[in-house]
Amino acid sequence: MCLGIPMQIKEIDGFTARCEAKGVEREVSLFMLQHEELAADDFVVVHVGYAIQKVSPQEAQSAWEIYDEMLTKMDPQTDA
């Protein structure tokens, strides 16, 4: 299974961005979205270090809600 992670762009330098999600920061390639208008505070879906799609803040939040629910159900410490 492949998973794209929604991250918020914090800073852009050419085709590289510093992105953050849940307190974790990563350097992300913007090369695949080079024809997309991107700016700090935009959200992108990141897969193996590449931003593959620009998404709205609402789409990013919805994805994280689903991921958090999946992680909770997978945690053997919970009563789910």
N, C-alpha and C. Protein backbone atom coordinates (compact mmCIF):
# COMPACT_ATOMS: atom_id res chain seq x y z
N MET A 1 0.85 -1.17 0.00
CA MET A 1 0.00 0.00 0.00
C MET A 1 0.89 1.24 0.00
N CYS A 2 0.54 2.20 -0.83
CA CYS A 2 1.25 3.47 -0.88
C CYS A 2 0.41 4.52 -0.18
N LEU A 3 1.09 5.40 0.53
CA LEU A 3 0.37 6.41 1.30
C LEU A 3 0.97 7.78 1.03
N GLY A 4 0.14 8.73 0.69
CA GLY A 4 0.57 10.11 0.55
C GLY A 4 0.22 10.85 1.82
N ILE A 5 1.15 11.66 2.31
CA ILE A 5 0.97 12.35 3.57
C ILE A 5 0.76 13.85 3.31
N PRO A 6 -0.34 14.42 3.79
CA PRO A 6 -0.54 15.86 3.64
C PRO A 6 0.44 16.62 4.53
N MET A 7 1.13 17.59 3.93
CA MET A 7 2.08 18.40 4.68
C MET A 7 1.88 19.86 4.29
N GLN A 8 2.21 20.75 5.22
CA GLN A 8 2.10 22.18 4.96
C GLN A 8 3.47 22.74 4.60
N ILE A 9 3.50 23.50 3.52
CA ILE A 9 4.75 24.13 3.10
C ILE A 9 5.08 25.27 4.06
N LYS A 10 6.31 25.25 4.57
CA LYS A 10 6.76 26.30 5.47
C LYS A 10 7.67 27.29 4.75
N GLU A 11 8.47 26.77 3.81
CA GLU A 11 9.45 27.61 3.12
C GLU A 11 9.78 26.97 1.77
N ILE A 12 9.94 27.78 0.74
CA ILE A 12 10.28 27.27 -0.59
C ILE A 12 11.61 27.86 -1.04
N ASP A 13 12.45 26.99 -1.61
CA ASP A 13 13.72 27.41 -2.19
C ASP A 13 13.87 26.67 -3.52
N GLY A 14 13.49 27.32 -4.61
CA GLY A 14 13.53 26.67 -5.91
C GLY A 14 12.51 25.56 -5.99
N PHE A 15 12.98 24.34 -6.30
CA PHE A 15 12.09 23.18 -6.37
C PHE A 15 12.12 22.35 -5.10
N THR A 16 12.60 22.94 -4.02
CA THR A 16 12.65 22.25 -2.73
C THR A 16 11.86 23.06 -1.70
N ALA A 17 11.11 22.35 -0.87
CA ALA A 17 10.35 23.02 0.18
C ALA A 17 10.62 22.35 1.52
N ARG A 18 10.58 23.13 2.56
CA ARG A 18 10.58 22.59 3.92
C ARG A 18 9.11 22.49 4.30
N CYS A 19 8.67 21.26 4.56
CA CYS A 19 7.26 21.00 4.86
C CYS A 19 7.13 20.42 6.26
N GLU A 20 5.93 20.59 6.85
CA GLU A 20 5.70 20.12 8.21
C GLU A 20 4.34 19.43 8.31
N ALA A 21 4.31 18.38 9.10
CA ALA A 21 3.07 17.69 9.44
C ALA A 21 3.22 17.10 10.84
N LYS A 22 2.31 17.43 11.70
CA LYS A 22 2.28 16.89 13.06
C LYS A 22 3.62 17.07 13.79
N GLY A 23 4.25 18.22 13.56
CA GLY A 23 5.50 18.53 14.25
C GLY A 23 6.75 17.95 13.61
N VAL A 24 6.59 17.21 12.53
CA VAL A 24 7.73 16.62 11.82
C VAL A 24 7.99 17.44 10.56
N GLU A 25 9.25 17.85 10.37
CA GLU A 25 9.61 18.62 9.19
C GLU A 25 10.46 17.76 8.25
N ARG A 26 10.26 17.97 6.95
CA ARG A 26 10.99 17.24 5.92
C ARG A 26 11.29 18.18 4.76
N GLU A 27 12.40 17.89 4.07
CA GLU A 27 12.69 18.54 2.81
C GLU A 27 11.93 17.76 1.74
N VAL A 28 11.20 18.47 0.89
CA VAL A 28 10.33 17.84 -0.10
C VAL A 28 10.62 18.44 -1.47
N SER A 29 10.69 17.58 -2.47
CA SER A 29 10.88 18.05 -3.84
C SER A 29 9.55 18.54 -4.41
N LEU A 30 9.58 19.71 -5.01
CA LEU A 30 8.39 20.26 -5.67
C LEU A 30 8.45 20.07 -7.18
N PHE A 31 9.44 19.33 -7.65
CA PHE A 31 9.68 19.19 -9.08
C PHE A 31 8.44 18.70 -9.83
N MET A 32 7.70 17.76 -9.26
CA MET A 32 6.53 17.21 -9.96
C MET A 32 5.37 18.21 -10.04
N LEU A 33 5.44 19.28 -9.24
CA LEU A 33 4.40 20.31 -9.25
C LEU A 33 4.96 21.64 -9.77
N GLN A 34 5.98 21.57 -10.61
CA GLN A 34 6.66 22.79 -11.04
C GLN A 34 5.75 23.75 -11.80
N HIS A 35 4.65 23.29 -12.35
CA HIS A 35 3.73 24.16 -13.09
C HIS A 35 2.56 24.62 -12.22
N GLU A 36 2.59 24.25 -10.94
CA GLU A 36 1.53 24.61 -9.98
C GLU A 36 1.99 25.85 -9.20
N GLU A 37 1.08 26.76 -8.93
CA GLU A 37 1.40 27.91 -8.08
C GLU A 37 1.41 27.43 -6.64
N LEU A 38 2.58 27.49 -6.01
CA LEU A 38 2.73 27.06 -4.62
C LEU A 38 3.36 28.17 -3.81
N ALA A 39 2.95 28.27 -2.55
CA ALA A 39 3.48 29.29 -1.65
C ALA A 39 3.52 28.72 -0.23
N ALA A 40 4.25 29.41 0.64
CA ALA A 40 4.27 29.03 2.05
C ALA A 40 2.83 28.99 2.55
N ASP A 41 2.55 28.03 3.40
CA ASP A 41 1.24 27.76 4.01
C ASP A 41 0.31 26.93 3.14
N ASP A 42 0.66 26.67 1.87
CA ASP A 42 -0.13 25.74 1.06
C ASP A 42 0.07 24.32 1.57
N PHE A 43 -0.86 23.45 1.25
CA PHE A 43 -0.77 22.04 1.61
C PHE A 43 -0.53 21.21 0.36
N VAL A 44 0.34 20.21 0.50
CA VAL A 44 0.64 19.28 -0.59
C VAL A 44 0.62 17.87 -0.03
N VAL A 45 0.33 16.92 -0.91
CA VAL A 45 0.42 15.50 -0.54
C VAL A 45 1.82 15.05 -0.93
N VAL A 46 2.52 14.43 0.03
CA VAL A 46 3.91 14.02 -0.17
C VAL A 46 3.98 12.50 -0.19
N HIS A 47 4.68 11.99 -1.20
CA HIS A 47 4.92 10.54 -1.32
C HIS A 47 6.39 10.34 -1.65
N VAL A 48 7.08 9.58 -0.86
CA VAL A 48 8.51 9.28 -0.97
C VAL A 48 9.34 10.53 -1.29
N GLY A 49 9.06 11.62 -0.58
CA GLY A 49 9.88 12.81 -0.70
C GLY A 49 9.48 13.77 -1.80
N TYR A 50 8.43 13.46 -2.55
CA TYR A 50 7.97 14.32 -3.64
C TYR A 50 6.56 14.82 -3.36
N ALA A 51 6.33 16.10 -3.56
CA ALA A 51 4.98 16.63 -3.51
C ALA A 51 4.29 16.21 -4.81
N ILE A 52 3.17 15.53 -4.69
CA ILE A 52 2.51 14.99 -5.88
C ILE A 52 1.17 15.66 -6.18
N GLN A 53 0.65 16.45 -5.23
CA GLN A 53 -0.64 17.09 -5.45
C GLN A 53 -0.82 18.22 -4.45
N LYS A 54 -1.36 19.33 -4.92
CA LYS A 54 -1.74 20.43 -4.02
C LYS A 54 -3.15 20.12 -3.53
N VAL A 55 -3.40 20.31 -2.23
CA VAL A 55 -4.72 20.06 -1.66
C VAL A 55 -5.14 21.25 -0.79
N SER A 56 -6.42 21.33 -0.53
CA SER A 56 -6.94 22.39 0.33
C SER A 56 -6.64 22.04 1.80
N PRO A 57 -6.67 23.04 2.67
CA PRO A 57 -6.51 22.75 4.10
C PRO A 57 -7.55 21.76 4.61
N GLN A 58 -8.77 21.84 4.09
CA GLN A 58 -9.83 20.93 4.52
C GLN A 58 -9.53 19.49 4.09
N GLU A 59 -9.02 19.32 2.87
CA GLU A 59 -8.66 17.97 2.41
C GLU A 59 -7.52 17.40 3.25
N ALA A 60 -6.55 18.24 3.58
CA ALA A 60 -5.43 17.79 4.41
C ALA A 60 -5.94 17.36 5.79
N GLN A 61 -6.82 18.17 6.38
CA GLN A 61 -7.37 17.85 7.71
C GLN A 61 -8.17 16.55 7.67
N SER A 62 -8.99 16.37 6.64
CA SER A 62 -9.78 15.14 6.52
C SER A 62 -8.88 13.92 6.40
N ALA A 63 -7.83 14.03 5.62
CA ALA A 63 -6.89 12.91 5.48
C ALA A 63 -6.27 12.57 6.82
N TRP A 64 -5.83 13.57 7.58
CA TRP A 64 -5.22 13.30 8.88
C TRP A 64 -6.21 12.70 9.87
N GLU A 65 -7.47 13.10 9.80
CA GLU A 65 -8.48 12.49 10.67
C GLU A 65 -8.61 11.00 10.36
N ILE A 66 -8.61 10.65 9.09
CA ILE A 66 -8.70 9.24 8.69
C ILE A 66 -7.45 8.49 9.13
N TYR A 67 -6.26 9.07 8.90
CA TYR A 67 -5.01 8.41 9.30
C TYR A 67 -4.96 8.20 10.80
N ASP A 68 -5.37 9.23 11.57
CA ASP A 68 -5.38 9.09 13.03
C ASP A 68 -6.32 7.98 13.48
N GLU A 69 -7.46 7.87 12.83
CA GLU A 69 -8.41 6.80 13.17
C GLU A 69 -7.81 5.43 12.85
N MET A 70 -7.15 5.32 11.70
CA MET A 70 -6.50 4.05 11.33
C MET A 70 -5.43 3.68 12.35
N LEU A 71 -4.61 4.65 12.74
CA LEU A 71 -3.53 4.38 13.70
C LEU A 71 -4.09 3.97 15.06
N THR A 72 -5.18 4.59 15.46
CA THR A 72 -5.81 4.24 16.73
C THR A 72 -6.30 2.79 16.70
N LYS A 73 -6.90 2.39 15.60
CA LYS A 73 -7.42 1.03 15.48
C LYS A 73 -6.30 -0.02 15.40
N MET A 74 -5.13 0.39 14.92
CA MET A 74 -4.00 -0.52 14.80
C MET A 74 -3.21 -0.65 16.10
N ASP A 75 -3.39 0.29 17.04
CA ASP A 75 -2.63 0.31 18.28
C ASP A 75 -3.16 -0.76 19.23
N PRO A 76 -2.33 -1.73 19.60
CA PRO A 76 -2.78 -2.79 20.50
C PRO A 76 -3.09 -2.29 21.91
N GLN A 77 -2.67 -1.06 22.24
CA GLN A 77 -2.92 -0.50 23.55
C GLN A 77 -4.34 0.02 23.72
N THR A 78 -5.05 0.22 22.59
CA THR A 78 -6.41 0.78 22.67
C THR A 78 -7.44 -0.34 22.78
N ASP A 79 -8.62 0.02 23.19
CA ASP A 79 -9.72 -0.95 23.35
C ASP A 79 -10.58 -1.02 22.11
N ALA A 80 -10.15 -0.49 20.99
CA ALA A 80 -10.98 -0.44 19.77
C ALA A 80 -11.27 -1.83 19.24
